Amino acid sequence: RDNAQNTVYLEMNSLRPEDTAVYYCNADVVDSIHGYNYWGQGTQVT
């Protein structure tokens, strides 16, 4: 993670065919009152 940029990375090495999938980012976000969970749109890894 780069917390200053609110960015998360996934370095994937030695990839296998069984890793093929749509990969979704997910984040737990809070404001002054509530907590929320969000999903990204997904990115295809083949």
All heavy atoms as atom14 arrays in JSON, in Angstrom:
{
  "sequence": "RDNAQNTVYLEMNSLRPEDTAVYYCNADVVDSIHGYNYWGQGTQVT",
  "atom14_mask": [
    [1, 1, 1, 1, 1, 1, 1, 1, 1, 1, 1, 0, 0, 0],
    [1, 1, 1, 1, 1, 1, 1, 1, 0, 0, 0, 0, 0, 0],
    [1, 1, 1, 1, 1, 1, 1, 1, 0, 0, 0, 0, 0, 0],
    [1, 1, 1, 1, 1, 0, 0, 0, 0, 0, 0, 0, 0, 0],
    [1, 1, 1, 1, 1, 1, 1, 1, 1, 0, 0, 0, 0, 0],
    [1, 1, 1, 1, 1, 1, 1, 1, 0, 0, 0, 0, 0, 0],
    [1, 1, 1, 1, 1, 1, 1, 0, 0, 0, 0, 0, 0, 0],
    [1, 1, 1, 1, 1, 1, 1, 0, 0, 0, 0, 0, 0, 0],
    [1, 1, 1, 1, 1, 1, 1, 1, 1, 1, 1, 1, 0, 0],
    [1, 1, 1, 1, 1, 1, 1, 1, 0, 0, 0, 0, 0, 0],
    [1, 1, 1, 1, 1, 1, 1, 1, 1, 0, 0, 0, 0, 0],
    [1, 1, 1, 1, 1, 1, 1, 1, 0, 0, 0, 0, 0, 0],
    [1, 1, 1, 1, 1, 1, 1, 1, 0, 0, 0, 0, 0, 0],
    [1, 1, 1, 1, 1, 1, 0, 0, 0, 0, 0, 0, 0, 0],
    [1, 1, 1, 1, 1, 1, 1, 1, 0, 0, 0, 0, 0, 0],
    [1, 1, 1, 1, 1, 1, 1, 1, 1, 1, 1, 0, 0, 0],
    [1, 1, 1, 1, 1, 1, 1, 0, 0, 0, 0, 0, 0, 0],
    [1, 1, 1, 1, 1, 1, 1, 1, 1, 0, 0, 0, 0, 0],
    [1, 1, 1, 1, 1, 1, 1, 1, 0, 0, 0, 0, 0, 0],
    [1, 1, 1, 1, 1, 1, 1, 0, 0, 0, 0, 0, 0, 0],
    [1, 1, 1, 1, 1, 0, 0, 0, 0, 0, 0, 0, 0, 0],
    [1, 1, 1, 1, 1, 1, 1, 0, 0, 0, 0, 0, 0, 0],
    [1, 1, 1, 1, 1, 1, 1, 1, 1, 1, 1, 1, 0, 0],
    [1, 1, 1, 1, 1, 1, 1, 1, 1, 1, 1, 1, 0, 0],
    [1, 1, 1, 1, 1, 1, 0, 0, 0, 0, 0, 0, 0, 0],
    [1, 1, 1, 1, 1, 1, 1, 1, 0, 0, 0, 0, 0, 0],
    [1, 1, 1, 1, 1, 0, 0, 0, 0, 0, 0, 0, 0, 0],
    [1, 1, 1, 1, 1, 1, 1, 1, 0, 0, 0, 0, 0, 0],
    [1, 1, 1, 1, 1, 1, 1, 0, 0, 0, 0, 0, 0, 0],
    [1, 1, 1, 1, 1, 1, 1, 0, 0, 0, 0, 0, 0, 0],
    [1, 1, 1, 1, 1, 1, 1, 1, 0, 0, 0, 0, 0, 0],
    [1, 1, 1, 1, 1, 1, 0, 0, 0, 0, 0, 0, 0, 0],
    [1, 1, 1, 1, 1, 1, 1, 1, 0, 0, 0, 0, 0, 0],
    [1, 1, 1, 1, 1, 1, 1, 1, 1, 1, 0, 0, 0, 0],
    [1, 1, 1, 1, 0, 0, 0, 0, 0, 0, 0, 0, 0, 0],
    [1, 1, 1, 1, 1, 1, 1, 1, 1, 1, 1, 1, 0, 0],
    [1, 1, 1, 1, 1, 1, 1, 1, 0, 0, 0, 0, 0, 0],
    [1, 1, 1, 1, 1, 1, 1, 1, 1, 1, 1, 1, 0, 0],
    [1, 1, 1, 1, 1, 1, 1, 1, 1, 1, 1, 1, 1, 1],
    [1, 1, 1, 1, 0, 0, 0, 0, 0, 0, 0, 0, 0, 0],
    [1, 1, 1, 1, 1, 1, 1, 1, 1, 0, 0, 0, 0, 0],
    [1, 1, 1, 1, 0, 0, 0, 0, 0, 0, 0, 0, 0, 0],
    [1, 1, 1, 1, 1, 1, 1, 0, 0, 0, 0, 0, 0, 0],
    [1, 1, 1, 1, 1, 1, 1, 1, 1, 0, 0, 0, 0, 0],
    [1, 1, 1, 1, 1, 1, 1, 0, 0, 0, 0, 0, 0, 0],
    [1, 1, 1, 1, 1, 1, 1, 0, 0, 0, 0, 0, 0, 0]
  ],
  "atom14_positions": [
    [[0.83, -1.2, 0.0], [0.0, 0.0, 0.0], [0.86, 1.24, 0.0], [1.95, 1.27, 0.57], [-0.92, 0.04, 1.23], [-2.03, -0.96, 1.23], [-2.86, -0.89, 2.5], [-3.52, 0.41, 2.68], [-4.58, 0.61, 3.43], [-5.13, -0.41, 4.08], [-5.1, 1.82, 3.55], [0.0, 0.0, 0.0], [0.0, 0.0, 0.0], [0.0, 0.0, 0.0]],
    [[0.33, 2.27, -0.62], [0.84, 3.62, -0.5], [-0.26, 4.42, 0.18], [-1.21, 4.86, -0.46], [1.19, 4.2, -1.87], [1.75, 5.61, -1.78], [1.66, 6.24, -0.72], [2.31, 6.07, -2.8], [0.0, 0.0, 0.0], [0.0, 0.0, 0.0], [0.0, 0.0, 0.0], [0.0, 0.0, 0.0], [0.0, 0.0, 0.0], [0.0, 0.0, 0.0]],
    [[-0.16, 4.56, 1.49], [-1.24, 5.2, 2.25], [-1.42, 6.67, 1.88], [-2.53, 7.19, 1.95], [-0.98, 5.06, 3.76], [-1.17, 3.65, 4.25], [-1.91, 2.86, 3.67], [-0.49, 3.31, 5.34], [0.0, 0.0, 0.0], [0.0, 0.0, 0.0], [0.0, 0.0, 0.0], [0.0, 0.0, 0.0], [0.0, 0.0, 0.0], [0.0, 0.0, 0.0]],
    [[-0.35, 7.34, 1.5], [-0.45, 8.74, 1.11], [-1.32, 8.91, -0.13], [-1.96, 9.95, -0.31], [0.93, 9.33, 0.88], [0.0, 0.0, 0.0], [0.0, 0.0, 0.0], [0.0, 0.0, 0.0], [0.0, 0.0, 0.0], [0.0, 0.0, 0.0], [0.0, 0.0, 0.0], [0.0, 0.0, 0.0], [0.0, 0.0, 0.0], [0.0, 0.0, 0.0]],
    [[-1.32, 7.91, -1.0], [-2.11, 7.96, -2.22], [-3.37, 7.1, -2.13], [-4.1, 7.0, -3.12], [-1.27, 7.51, -3.41], [-0.06, 8.39, -3.68], [-0.46, 9.78, -4.12], [-1.42, 9.97, -4.85], [0.28, 10.78, -3.64], [0.0, 0.0, 0.0], [0.0, 0.0, 0.0], [0.0, 0.0, 0.0], [0.0, 0.0, 0.0], [0.0, 0.0, 0.0]],
    [[-3.62, 6.49, -0.97], [-4.76, 5.6, -0.79], [-4.83, 4.56, -1.9], [-5.89, 4.32, -2.49], [-6.06, 6.4, -0.72], [-6.13, 7.28, 0.51], [-5.86, 6.81, 1.63], [-6.49, 8.54, 0.34], [0.0, 0.0, 0.0], [0.0, 0.0, 0.0], [0.0, 0.0, 0.0], [0.0, 0.0, 0.0], [0.0, 0.0, 0.0], [0.0, 0.0, 0.0]],
    [[-3.7, 3.96, -2.16], [-3.57, 3.01, -3.25], [-3.06, 1.67, -2.74], [-2.17, 1.62, -1.89], [-2.6, 3.55, -4.32], [-3.1, 4.8, -4.83], [-2.45, 2.57, -5.48], [0.0, 0.0, 0.0], [0.0, 0.0, 0.0], [0.0, 0.0, 0.0], [0.0, 0.0, 0.0], [0.0, 0.0, 0.0], [0.0, 0.0, 0.0], [0.0, 0.0, 0.0]],
    [[-3.62, 0.6, -3.26], [-3.18, -0.74, -2.93], [-2.7, -1.42, -4.21], [-3.26, -1.2, -5.29], [-4.3, -1.56, -2.24], [-5.49, -1.78, -3.18], [-3.76, -2.9, -1.73], [0.0, 0.0, 0.0], [0.0, 0.0, 0.0], [0.0, 0.0, 0.0], [0.0, 0.0, 0.0], [0.0, 0.0, 0.0], [0.0, 0.0, 0.0], [0.0, 0.0, 0.0]],
    [[-1.65, -2.22, -4.08], [-1.07, -2.93, -5.2], [-1.09, -4.43, -4.95], [-1.06, -4.89, -3.81], [0.38, -2.5, -5.42], [0.57, -1.01, -5.58], [0.87, -0.21, -4.49], [0.46, -0.41, -6.83], [1.04, 1.16, -4.63], [0.63, 0.95, -6.98], [0.92, 1.73, -5.88], [1.09, 3.08, -6.02], [0.0, 0.0, 0.0], [0.0, 0.0, 0.0]],
    [[-1.12, -5.18, -6.02], [-0.97, -6.62, -5.94], [0.06, -7.05, -6.98], [-0.21, -6.99, -8.19], [-2.3, -7.34, -6.18], [-2.26, -8.86, -5.97], [-2.03, -9.2, -4.5], [-3.55, -9.51, -6.46], [0.0, 0.0, 0.0], [0.0, 0.0, 0.0], [0.0, 0.0, 0.0], [0.0, 0.0, 0.0], [0.0, 0.0, 0.0], [0.0, 0.0, 0.0]],
    [[1.23, -7.44, -6.51], [2.27, -7.98, -7.38], [2.06, -9.48, -7.5], [2.09, -10.19, -6.5], [3.65, -7.67, -6.81], [4.81, -8.21, -7.61], [5.04, -7.45, -8.9], [4.72, -6.25, -8.95], [5.55, -8.06, -9.86], [0.0, 0.0, 0.0], [0.0, 0.0, 0.0], [0.0, 0.0, 0.0], [0.0, 0.0, 0.0], [0.0, 0.0, 0.0]],
    [[1.83, -9.94, -8.71], [1.53, -11.34, -8.96], [2.66, -11.94, -9.78], [2.9, -11.52, -10.91], [0.19, -11.49, -9.69], [-0.98, -10.85, -8.96], [-2.57, -11.15, -9.77], [-2.32, -10.24, -11.29], [0.0, 0.0, 0.0], [0.0, 0.0, 0.0], [0.0, 0.0, 0.0], [0.0, 0.0, 0.0], [0.0, 0.0, 0.0], [0.0, 0.0, 0.0]],
    [[3.33, -12.91, -9.2], [4.45, -13.6, -9.85], [4.13, -15.07, -10.01], [3.24, -15.61, -9.35], [5.73, -13.42, -9.03], [6.15, -11.98, -8.87], [6.18, -11.23, -9.83], [6.48, -11.6, -7.64], [0.0, 0.0, 0.0], [0.0, 0.0, 0.0], [0.0, 0.0, 0.0], [0.0, 0.0, 0.0], [0.0, 0.0, 0.0], [0.0, 0.0, 0.0]],
    [[4.88, -15.73, -10.88], [4.7, -17.16, -11.14], [3.24, -17.49, -11.4], [2.68, -18.44, -10.84], [5.24, -17.98, -9.96], [6.61, -17.72, -9.73], [0.0, 0.0, 0.0], [0.0, 0.0, 0.0], [0.0, 0.0, 0.0], [0.0, 0.0, 0.0], [0.0, 0.0, 0.0], [0.0, 0.0, 0.0], [0.0, 0.0, 0.0], [0.0, 0.0, 0.0]],
    [[2.62, -16.73, -12.26], [1.2, -16.88, -12.51], [0.89, -18.23, -13.16], [1.67, -18.73, -13.97], [0.69, -15.74, -13.38], [0.47, -14.43, -12.63], [0.4, -13.26, -13.59], [-0.8, -14.51, -11.79], [0.0, 0.0, 0.0], [0.0, 0.0, 0.0], [0.0, 0.0, 0.0], [0.0, 0.0, 0.0], [0.0, 0.0, 0.0], [0.0, 0.0, 0.0]],
    [[-0.26, -18.76, -12.79], [-0.73, -20.05, -13.28], [-2.07, -19.87, -13.98], [-2.8, -18.92, -13.68], [-0.9, -21.02, -12.12], [0.32, -21.2, -11.24], [-0.04, -21.86, -9.93], [1.12, -22.04, -9.07], [1.05, -22.4, -7.8], [-0.12, -22.63, -7.22], [2.17, -22.54, -7.09], [0.0, 0.0, 0.0], [0.0, 0.0, 0.0], [0.0, 0.0, 0.0]],
    [[-2.43, -20.77, -14.9], [-3.74, -20.66, -15.54], [-4.9, -20.6, -14.55], [-5.9, -19.92, -14.82], [-3.8, -21.91, -16.41], [-2.38, -22.19, -16.75], [-1.6, -21.83, -15.51], [0.0, 0.0, 0.0], [0.0, 0.0, 0.0], [0.0, 0.0, 0.0], [0.0, 0.0, 0.0], [0.0, 0.0, 0.0], [0.0, 0.0, 0.0], [0.0, 0.0, 0.0]],
    [[-4.78, -21.28, -13.43], [-5.85, -21.25, -12.44], [-5.98, -19.9, -11.73], [-6.93, -19.69, -10.98], [-5.67, -22.37, -11.4], [-4.3, -22.4, -10.74], [-3.36, -23.4, -11.39], [-3.34, -23.49, -12.63], [-2.64, -24.12, -10.65], [0.0, 0.0, 0.0], [0.0, 0.0, 0.0], [0.0, 0.0, 0.0], [0.0, 0.0, 0.0], [0.0, 0.0, 0.0]],
    [[-5.04, -18.99, -11.95], [-5.18, -17.63, -11.44], [-6.09, -16.78, -12.32], [-6.41, -15.65, -11.95], [-3.81, -16.95, -11.34], [-2.91, -17.6, -10.31], [-3.4, -17.94, -9.21], [-1.71, -17.76, -10.6], [0.0, 0.0, 0.0], [0.0, 0.0, 0.0], [0.0, 0.0, 0.0], [0.0, 0.0, 0.0], [0.0, 0.0, 0.0], [0.0, 0.0, 0.0]],
    [[-6.48, -17.29, -13.46], [-7.36, -16.55, -14.37], [-8.69, -16.24, -13.69], [-9.37, -17.14, -13.21], [-7.59, -17.35, -15.65], [-6.36, -17.5, -16.36], [-8.59, -16.64, -16.55], [0.0, 0.0, 0.0], [0.0, 0.0, 0.0], [0.0, 0.0, 0.0], [0.0, 0.0, 0.0], [0.0, 0.0, 0.0], [0.0, 0.0, 0.0], [0.0, 0.0, 0.0]],
    [[-9.04, -14.96, -13.65], [-10.26, -14.52, -12.99], [-10.42, -13.03, -13.19], [-9.51, -12.35, -13.68], [-10.22, -14.83, -11.49], [0.0, 0.0, 0.0], [0.0, 0.0, 0.0], [0.0, 0.0, 0.0], [0.0, 0.0, 0.0], [0.0, 0.0, 0.0], [0.0, 0.0, 0.0], [0.0, 0.0, 0.0], [0.0, 0.0, 0.0], [0.0, 0.0, 0.0]],
    [[-11.58, -12.52, -12.81], [-11.76, -11.09, -12.66], [-11.33, -10.73, -11.25], [-11.81, -11.32, -10.28], [-13.21, -10.66, -12.91], [-13.37, -9.16, -12.68], [-13.64, -11.03, -14.32], [0.0, 0.0, 0.0], [0.0, 0.0, 0.0], [0.0, 0.0, 0.0], [0.0, 0.0, 0.0], [0.0, 0.0, 0.0], [0.0, 0.0, 0.0], [0.0, 0.0, 0.0]],
    [[-10.42, -9.78, -11.14], [-9.9, -9.36, -9.85], [-10.56, -8.05, -9.45], [-10.59, -7.08, -10.22], [-8.38, -9.19, -9.92], [-7.64, -10.5, -9.9], [-7.69, -11.37, -10.99], [-6.9, -10.89, -8.78], [-7.03, -12.58, -10.97], [-6.24, -12.11, -8.76], [-6.3, -12.95, -9.85], [-5.65, -14.16, -9.83], [0.0, 0.0, 0.0], [0.0, 0.0, 0.0]],
    [[-11.08, -8.02, -8.23], [-11.82, -6.88, -7.72], [-11.09, -6.25, -6.53], [-10.7, -6.94, -5.6], [-13.22, -7.28, -7.25], [-14.12, -7.8, -8.34], [-14.18, -9.15, -8.64], [-14.93, -6.92, -9.05], [-15.01, -9.62, -9.64], [-15.78, -7.39, -10.05], [-15.81, -8.75, -10.33], [-16.65, -9.21, -11.32], [0.0, 0.0, 0.0], [0.0, 0.0, 0.0]],
    [[-10.96, -4.95, -6.57], [-10.45, -4.2, -5.44], [-11.58, -3.97, -4.44], [-12.74, -3.76, -4.83], [-9.88, -2.87, -5.92], [-9.17, -1.83, -4.62], [0.0, 0.0, 0.0], [0.0, 0.0, 0.0], [0.0, 0.0, 0.0], [0.0, 0.0, 0.0], [0.0, 0.0, 0.0], [0.0, 0.0, 0.0], [0.0, 0.0, 0.0], [0.0, 0.0, 0.0]],
    [[-11.25, -4.01, -3.16], [-12.23, -3.79, -2.11], [-11.6, -2.93, -1.02], [-10.41, -3.08, -0.71], [-12.69, -5.12, -1.53], [-13.72, -4.97, -0.44], [-13.38, -4.97, 0.75], [-14.98, -4.84, -0.83], [0.0, 0.0, 0.0], [0.0, 0.0, 0.0], [0.0, 0.0, 0.0], [0.0, 0.0, 0.0], [0.0, 0.0, 0.0], [0.0, 0.0, 0.0]],
    [[-12.38, -2.02, -0.44], [-11.85, -1.13, 0.58], [-12.89, -0.83, 1.64], [-14.08, -0.63, 1.34], [-11.37, 0.17, -0.05], [0.0, 0.0, 0.0], [0.0, 0.0, 0.0], [0.0, 0.0, 0.0], [0.0, 0.0, 0.0], [0.0, 0.0, 0.0], [0.0, 0.0, 0.0], [0.0, 0.0, 0.0], [0.0, 0.0, 0.0], [0.0, 0.0, 0.0]],
    [[-12.44, -0.79, 2.88], [-13.23, -0.32, 4.0], [-12.87, 1.13, 4.26], [-11.71, 1.43, 4.55], [-12.98, -1.16, 5.26], [-13.51, -2.56, 5.15], [-14.52, -2.77, 4.46], [-12.92, -3.47, 5.78], [0.0, 0.0, 0.0], [0.0, 0.0, 0.0], [0.0, 0.0, 0.0], [0.0, 0.0, 0.0], [0.0, 0.0, 0.0], [0.0, 0.0, 0.0]],
    [[-13.86, 2.01, 4.17], [-13.66, 3.45, 4.25], [-14.5, 3.99, 5.39], [-15.64, 3.56, 5.58], [-14.04, 4.14, 2.92], [-13.92, 5.65, 3.04], [-13.16, 3.62, 1.8], [0.0, 0.0, 0.0], [0.0, 0.0, 0.0], [0.0, 0.0, 0.0], [0.0, 0.0, 0.0], [0.0, 0.0, 0.0], [0.0, 0.0, 0.0], [0.0, 0.0, 0.0]],
    [[-13.95, 4.94, 6.14], [-14.69, 5.56, 7.22], [-14.69, 7.08, 7.06], [-13.71, 7.67, 6.59], [-14.13, 5.19, 8.61], [-14.26, 3.69, 8.86], [-12.68, 5.61, 8.75], [0.0, 0.0, 0.0], [0.0, 0.0, 0.0], [0.0, 0.0, 0.0], [0.0, 0.0, 0.0], [0.0, 0.0, 0.0], [0.0, 0.0, 0.0], [0.0, 0.0, 0.0]],
    [[-15.8, 7.71, 7.45], [-15.83, 9.15, 7.63], [-16.0, 9.43, 9.12], [-15.68, 8.58, 9.95], [-16.93, 9.81, 6.77], [-18.33, 9.31, 7.08], [-18.58, 8.8, 8.19], [-19.2, 9.43, 6.19], [0.0, 0.0, 0.0], [0.0, 0.0, 0.0], [0.0, 0.0, 0.0], [0.0, 0.0, 0.0], [0.0, 0.0, 0.0], [0.0, 0.0, 0.0]],
    [[-16.49, 10.59, 9.49], [-16.57, 10.95, 10.91], [-17.65, 10.18, 11.65], [-17.64, 10.13, 12.88], [-16.81, 12.45, 11.06], [-18.02, 12.84, 10.44], [0.0, 0.0, 0.0], [0.0, 0.0, 0.0], [0.0, 0.0, 0.0], [0.0, 0.0, 0.0], [0.0, 0.0, 0.0], [0.0, 0.0, 0.0], [0.0, 0.0, 0.0], [0.0, 0.0, 0.0]],
    [[-18.59, 9.56, 10.91], [-19.73, 8.9, 11.53], [-19.83, 7.43, 11.17], [-20.06, 6.57, 12.04], [-21.05, 9.6, 11.15], [-21.0, 11.08, 11.54], [-22.23, 8.91, 11.82], [-20.89, 11.32, 13.03], [0.0, 0.0, 0.0], [0.0, 0.0, 0.0], [0.0, 0.0, 0.0], [0.0, 0.0, 0.0], [0.0, 0.0, 0.0], [0.0, 0.0, 0.0]],
    [[-19.64, 7.11, 9.89], [-19.97, 5.78, 9.38], [-18.76, 5.06, 8.81], [-17.74, 5.68, 8.46], [-21.03, 5.89, 8.28], [-22.3, 6.53, 8.71], [-23.19, 5.91, 9.56], [-22.84, 7.73, 8.41], [-24.23, 6.71, 9.77], [-24.03, 7.81, 9.08], [0.0, 0.0, 0.0], [0.0, 0.0, 0.0], [0.0, 0.0, 0.0], [0.0, 0.0, 0.0]],
    [[-18.92, 3.76, 8.69], [-18.0, 2.94, 7.94], [-18.7, 2.4, 6.7], [-19.89, 2.1, 6.73], [0.0, 0.0, 0.0], [0.0, 0.0, 0.0], [0.0, 0.0, 0.0], [0.0, 0.0, 0.0], [0.0, 0.0, 0.0], [0.0, 0.0, 0.0], [0.0, 0.0, 0.0], [0.0, 0.0, 0.0], [0.0, 0.0, 0.0], [0.0, 0.0, 0.0]],
    [[-17.96, 2.27, 5.62], [-18.51, 1.83, 4.35], [-17.57, 0.82, 3.71], [-16.37, 0.81, 3.97], [-18.69, 3.0, 3.38], [-19.47, 4.16, 3.92], [-18.83, 5.2, 4.59], [-20.85, 4.22, 3.77], [-19.55, 6.28, 5.09], [-21.57, 5.29, 4.26], [-20.91, 6.32, 4.92], [-21.63, 7.39, 5.41], [0.0, 0.0, 0.0], [0.0, 0.0, 0.0]],
    [[-18.14, -0.01, 2.86], [-17.37, -0.96, 2.07], [-17.64, -0.72, 0.6], [-18.8, -0.6, 0.19], [-17.71, -2.39, 2.45], [-16.84, -3.4, 1.73], [-17.25, -3.98, 0.73], [-15.63, -3.6, 2.24], [0.0, 0.0, 0.0], [0.0, 0.0, 0.0], [0.0, 0.0, 0.0], [0.0, 0.0, 0.0], [0.0, 0.0, 0.0], [0.0, 0.0, 0.0]],
    [[-16.58, -0.66, -0.2], [-16.7, -0.37, -1.63], [-15.98, -1.42, -2.45], [-14.99, -2.02, -2.01], [-16.1, 1.0, -1.95], [-16.89, 2.16, -1.4], [-16.6, 2.69, -0.15], [-17.94, 2.72, -2.12], [-17.31, 3.75, 0.36], [-18.66, 3.79, -1.61], [-18.34, 4.3, -0.37], [-19.06, 5.35, 0.14], [0.0, 0.0, 0.0], [0.0, 0.0, 0.0]],
    [[-16.49, -1.58, -3.66], [-15.89, -2.49, -4.65], [-15.5, -1.72, -5.9], [-16.19, -0.79, -6.33], [-16.88, -3.58, -5.06], [-17.18, -4.58, -4.0], [-18.22, -4.56, -3.12], [-16.44, -5.76, -3.71], [-18.17, -5.66, -2.3], [-17.08, -6.42, -2.64], [-15.29, -6.34, -4.25], [-16.63, -7.62, -2.11], [-14.83, -7.54, -3.72], [-15.49, -8.16, -2.66]],
    [[-14.39, -2.12, -6.48], [-14.02, -1.63, -7.79], [-14.8, -2.35, -8.87], [-15.59, -3.27, -8.61], [0.0, 0.0, 0.0], [0.0, 0.0, 0.0], [0.0, 0.0, 0.0], [0.0, 0.0, 0.0], [0.0, 0.0, 0.0], [0.0, 0.0, 0.0], [0.0, 0.0, 0.0], [0.0, 0.0, 0.0], [0.0, 0.0, 0.0], [0.0, 0.0, 0.0]],
    [[-14.59, -1.94, -10.1], [-15.34, -2.5, -11.22], [-14.82, -3.85, -11.68], [-15.52, -4.56, -12.41], [-15.32, -1.52, -12.4], [-14.03, -1.5, -13.22], [-12.88, -0.78, -12.55], [-13.01, -0.19, -11.48], [-11.71, -0.81, -13.19], [0.0, 0.0, 0.0], [0.0, 0.0, 0.0], [0.0, 0.0, 0.0], [0.0, 0.0, 0.0], [0.0, 0.0, 0.0]],
    [[-13.64, -4.21, -11.26], [-13.03, -5.47, -11.65], [-12.11, -5.31, -12.84], [-12.35, -4.5, -13.74], [0.0, 0.0, 0.0], [0.0, 0.0, 0.0], [0.0, 0.0, 0.0], [0.0, 0.0, 0.0], [0.0, 0.0, 0.0], [0.0, 0.0, 0.0], [0.0, 0.0, 0.0], [0.0, 0.0, 0.0], [0.0, 0.0, 0.0], [0.0, 0.0, 0.0]],
    [[-11.04, -6.08, -12.85], [-10.11, -6.09, -13.97], [-9.77, -7.54, -14.3], [-9.51, -8.36, -13.41], [-8.84, -5.27, -13.66], [-7.99, -5.23, -14.79], [-8.07, -5.83, -12.47], [0.0, 0.0, 0.0], [0.0, 0.0, 0.0], [0.0, 0.0, 0.0], [0.0, 0.0, 0.0], [0.0, 0.0, 0.0], [0.0, 0.0, 0.0], [0.0, 0.0, 0.0]],
    [[-9.79, -7.87, -15.58], [-9.59, -9.24, -16.02], [-8.11, -9.6, -16.03], [-7.29, -8.87, -16.59], [-10.18, -9.44, -17.42], [-9.98, -10.84, -17.99], [-10.8, -11.89, -17.29], [-11.99, -11.7, -17.05], [-10.16, -13.01, -16.95], [0.0, 0.0, 0.0], [0.0, 0.0, 0.0], [0.0, 0.0, 0.0], [0.0, 0.0, 0.0], [0.0, 0.0, 0.0]],
    [[-7.8, -10.73, -15.43], [-6.46, -11.32, -15.5], [-6.6, -12.67, -16.17], [-7.32, -13.54, -15.68], [-5.82, -11.47, -14.11], [-4.52, -12.26, -14.2], [-5.57, -10.1, -13.5], [0.0, 0.0, 0.0], [0.0, 0.0, 0.0], [0.0, 0.0, 0.0], [0.0, 0.0, 0.0], [0.0, 0.0, 0.0], [0.0, 0.0, 0.0], [0.0, 0.0, 0.0]],
    [[-5.9, -12.85, -17.27], [-5.94, -14.11, -18.0], [-4.52, -14.65, -18.13], [-3.63, -13.97, -18.62], [-6.55, -13.93, -19.39], [-7.88, -13.4, -19.28], [-6.61, -15.26, -20.13], [0.0, 0.0, 0.0], [0.0, 0.0, 0.0], [0.0, 0.0, 0.0], [0.0, 0.0, 0.0], [0.0, 0.0, 0.0], [0.0, 0.0, 0.0], [0.0, 0.0, 0.0]]
  ]
}
